[in-house]
């Protein structure tokens, strides 16, 4: 009986781990750090690092201490986009 050899490519990383979903939260800027990074206290009490991205970075919109921001992150990330 003849055996047929079938070659398959290895699975992609996103197929193995599954598609990660974005998580959106709100918080308050409590500290401005270098390189446009900020320490943000989320409404649930946790603190995280964030950076400005997208149109905020393009149009140089400034963030000040006490500003309310909406952050989005993927589950498992520790640095978030504002």
C-alpha atoms as a PDB file:
ATOM      1  CA  UNK A   1       0.000   0.000   0.000  1.00  0.00           C
ATOM      2  CA  UNK A   2       1.415   3.379  -1.013  1.00  0.00           C
ATOM      3  CA  UNK A   3       1.651   6.118   1.571  1.00  0.00           C
ATOM      4  CA  UNK A   4       0.905   9.658   0.522  1.00  0.00           C
ATOM      5  CA  UNK A   5       2.999  12.382   2.036  1.00  0.00           C
ATOM      6  CA  UNK A   6       1.056  15.472   2.936  1.00  0.00           C
ATOM      7  CA  UNK A   7       2.987  18.522   4.052  1.00  0.00           C
ATOM      8  CA  UNK A   8       1.294  21.128   6.157  1.00  0.00           C
ATOM      9  CA  UNK A   9       2.624  24.448   7.271  1.00  0.00           C
ATOM     10  CA  UNK A  10       3.039  25.001  10.993  1.00  0.00           C
ATOM     11  CA  UNK A  11       0.132  26.817  12.666  1.00  0.00           C
ATOM     12  CA  UNK A  12       0.368  30.574  12.914  1.00  0.00           C
ATOM     13  CA  UNK A  13       0.850  32.216  16.289  1.00  0.00           C
ATOM     14  CA  UNK A  14      -2.634  33.787  16.354  1.00  0.00           C
ATOM     15  CA  UNK A  15      -4.207  30.412  15.555  1.00  0.00           C
ATOM     16  CA  UNK A  16      -2.446  28.843  18.531  1.00  0.00           C
ATOM     17  CA  UNK A  17      -3.211  31.582  21.034  1.00  0.00           C
ATOM     18  CA  UNK A  18      -6.547  32.666  19.610  1.00  0.00           C
ATOM     19  CA  UNK A  19      -7.570  36.180  18.740  1.00  0.00           C
ATOM     20  CA  UNK A  20      -7.049  38.553  21.668  1.00  0.00           C
ATOM     21  CA  UNK A  21      -9.857  40.980  22.354  1.00  0.00           C
ATOM     22  CA  UNK A  22      -9.470  44.638  23.195  1.00  0.00           C
ATOM     23  CA  UNK A  23     -10.488  45.765  26.638  1.00  0.00           C
ATOM     24  CA  UNK A  24     -11.511  49.415  27.060  1.00  0.00           C
ATOM     25  CA  UNK A  25     -11.360  51.108  30.472  1.00  0.00           C
ATOM     26  CA  UNK A  26     -11.415  54.627  31.824  1.00  0.00           C
ATOM     27  CA  UNK A  27      -9.001  56.227  34.228  1.00  0.00           C
ATOM     28  CA  UNK A  28      -7.219  59.379  35.350  1.00  0.00           C
ATOM     29  CA  UNK A  29      -3.697  60.572  34.555  1.00  0.00           C
ATOM     30  CA  UNK A  30      -1.770  60.725  37.835  1.00  0.00           C
ATOM     31  CA  UNK A  31       1.812  61.176  36.615  1.00  0.00           C
ATOM     32  CA  UNK A  32       3.520  62.339  33.430  1.00  0.00           C
ATOM     33  CA  UNK A  33       6.654  60.388  32.553  1.00  0.00           C
ATOM     34  CA  UNK A  34       9.288  60.803  29.869  1.00  0.00           C
ATOM     35  CA  UNK A  35       8.764  59.821  26.228  1.00  0.00           C
ATOM     36  CA  UNK A  36       5.066  60.760  26.240  1.00  0.00           C
ATOM     37  CA  UNK A  37       4.222  58.045  28.745  1.00  0.00           C
ATOM     38  CA  UNK A  38       1.768  58.442  31.586  1.00  0.00           C
ATOM     39  CA  UNK A  39       0.864  56.615  34.763  1.00  0.00           C
ATOM     40  CA  UNK A  40      -2.899  56.098  34.810  1.00  0.00           C
ATOM     41  CA  UNK A  41      -5.111  55.076  37.710  1.00  0.00           C
ATOM     42  CA  UNK A  42      -7.995  53.063  36.343  1.00  0.00           C
ATOM     43  CA  UNK A  43     -11.510  53.292  37.778  1.00  0.00           C
ATOM     44  CA  UNK A  44     -11.132  49.809  39.254  1.00  0.00           C
ATOM     45  CA  UNK A  45      -8.150  50.986  41.352  1.00  0.00           C
ATOM     46  CA  UNK A  46      -5.309  49.463  39.315  1.00  0.00           C
ATOM     47  CA  UNK A  47      -2.490  51.559  37.892  1.00  0.00           C
ATOM     48  CA  UNK A  48      -0.967  51.119  34.453  1.00  0.00           C
ATOM     49  CA  UNK A  49       1.422  52.830  32.061  1.00  0.00           C
ATOM     50  CA  UNK A  50       0.023  54.401  28.934  1.00  0.00           C
ATOM     51  CA  UNK A  51       1.125  56.409  25.943  1.00  0.00           C
ATOM     52  CA  UNK A  52      -0.621  58.703  23.513  1.00  0.00           C
ATOM     53  CA  UNK A  53      -1.326  57.208  20.119  1.00  0.00           C
ATOM     54  CA  UNK A  54      -3.281  57.837  16.958  1.00  0.00           C
ATOM     55  CA  UNK A  55      -4.732  61.294  16.440  1.00  0.00           C
ATOM     56  CA  UNK A  56      -3.614  62.452  19.883  1.00  0.00           C
ATOM     57  CA  UNK A  57      -0.015  61.875  18.867  1.00  0.00           C
ATOM     58  CA  UNK A  58      -0.482  63.141  15.310  1.00  0.00           C
ATOM     59  CA  UNK A  59      -2.042  66.457  16.340  1.00  0.00           C
ATOM     60  CA  UNK A  60       0.083  66.758  19.506  1.00  0.00           C
ATOM     61  CA  UNK A  61      -2.848  66.879  21.904  1.00  0.00           C
ATOM     62  CA  UNK A  62      -1.478  67.319  25.405  1.00  0.00           C
ATOM     63  CA  UNK A  63      -2.507  65.446  28.515  1.00  0.00           C
ATOM     64  CA  UNK A  64      -2.300  66.979  31.963  1.00  0.00           C
ATOM     65  CA  UNK A  65      -2.498  65.566  35.456  1.00  0.00           C
ATOM     66  CA  UNK A  66      -6.100  64.861  36.393  1.00  0.00           C
ATOM     67  CA  UNK A  67      -7.310  64.398  32.806  1.00  0.00           C
ATOM     68  CA  UNK A  68      -9.831  61.602  32.308  1.00  0.00           C
ATOM     69  CA  UNK A  69      -8.773  59.205  29.572  1.00  0.00           C
ATOM     70  CA  UNK A  70     -10.135  56.092  27.903  1.00  0.00           C
ATOM     71  CA  UNK A  71      -7.528  53.375  27.490  1.00  0.00           C
ATOM     72  CA  UNK A  72      -7.662  50.285  25.365  1.00  0.00           C
ATOM     73  CA  UNK A  73      -5.491  47.243  25.850  1.00  0.00           C
ATOM     74  CA  UNK A  74      -5.415  43.598  24.988  1.00  0.00           C
ATOM     75  CA  UNK A  75      -5.807  41.158  27.802  1.00  0.00           C
ATOM     76  CA  UNK A  76      -2.351  40.440  29.159  1.00  0.00           C
ATOM     77  CA  UNK A  77      -0.765  43.727  28.084  1.00  0.00           C
ATOM     78  CA  UNK A  78       0.618  45.981  30.763  1.00  0.00           C
ATOM     79  CA  UNK A  79       1.212  49.088  28.669  1.00  0.00           C
ATOM     80  CA  UNK A  80      -1.902  50.696  27.238  1.00  0.00           C
ATOM     81  CA  UNK A  81      -2.772  53.206  24.532  1.00  0.00           C
ATOM     82  CA  UNK A  82      -4.616  56.384  25.496  1.00  0.00           C
END
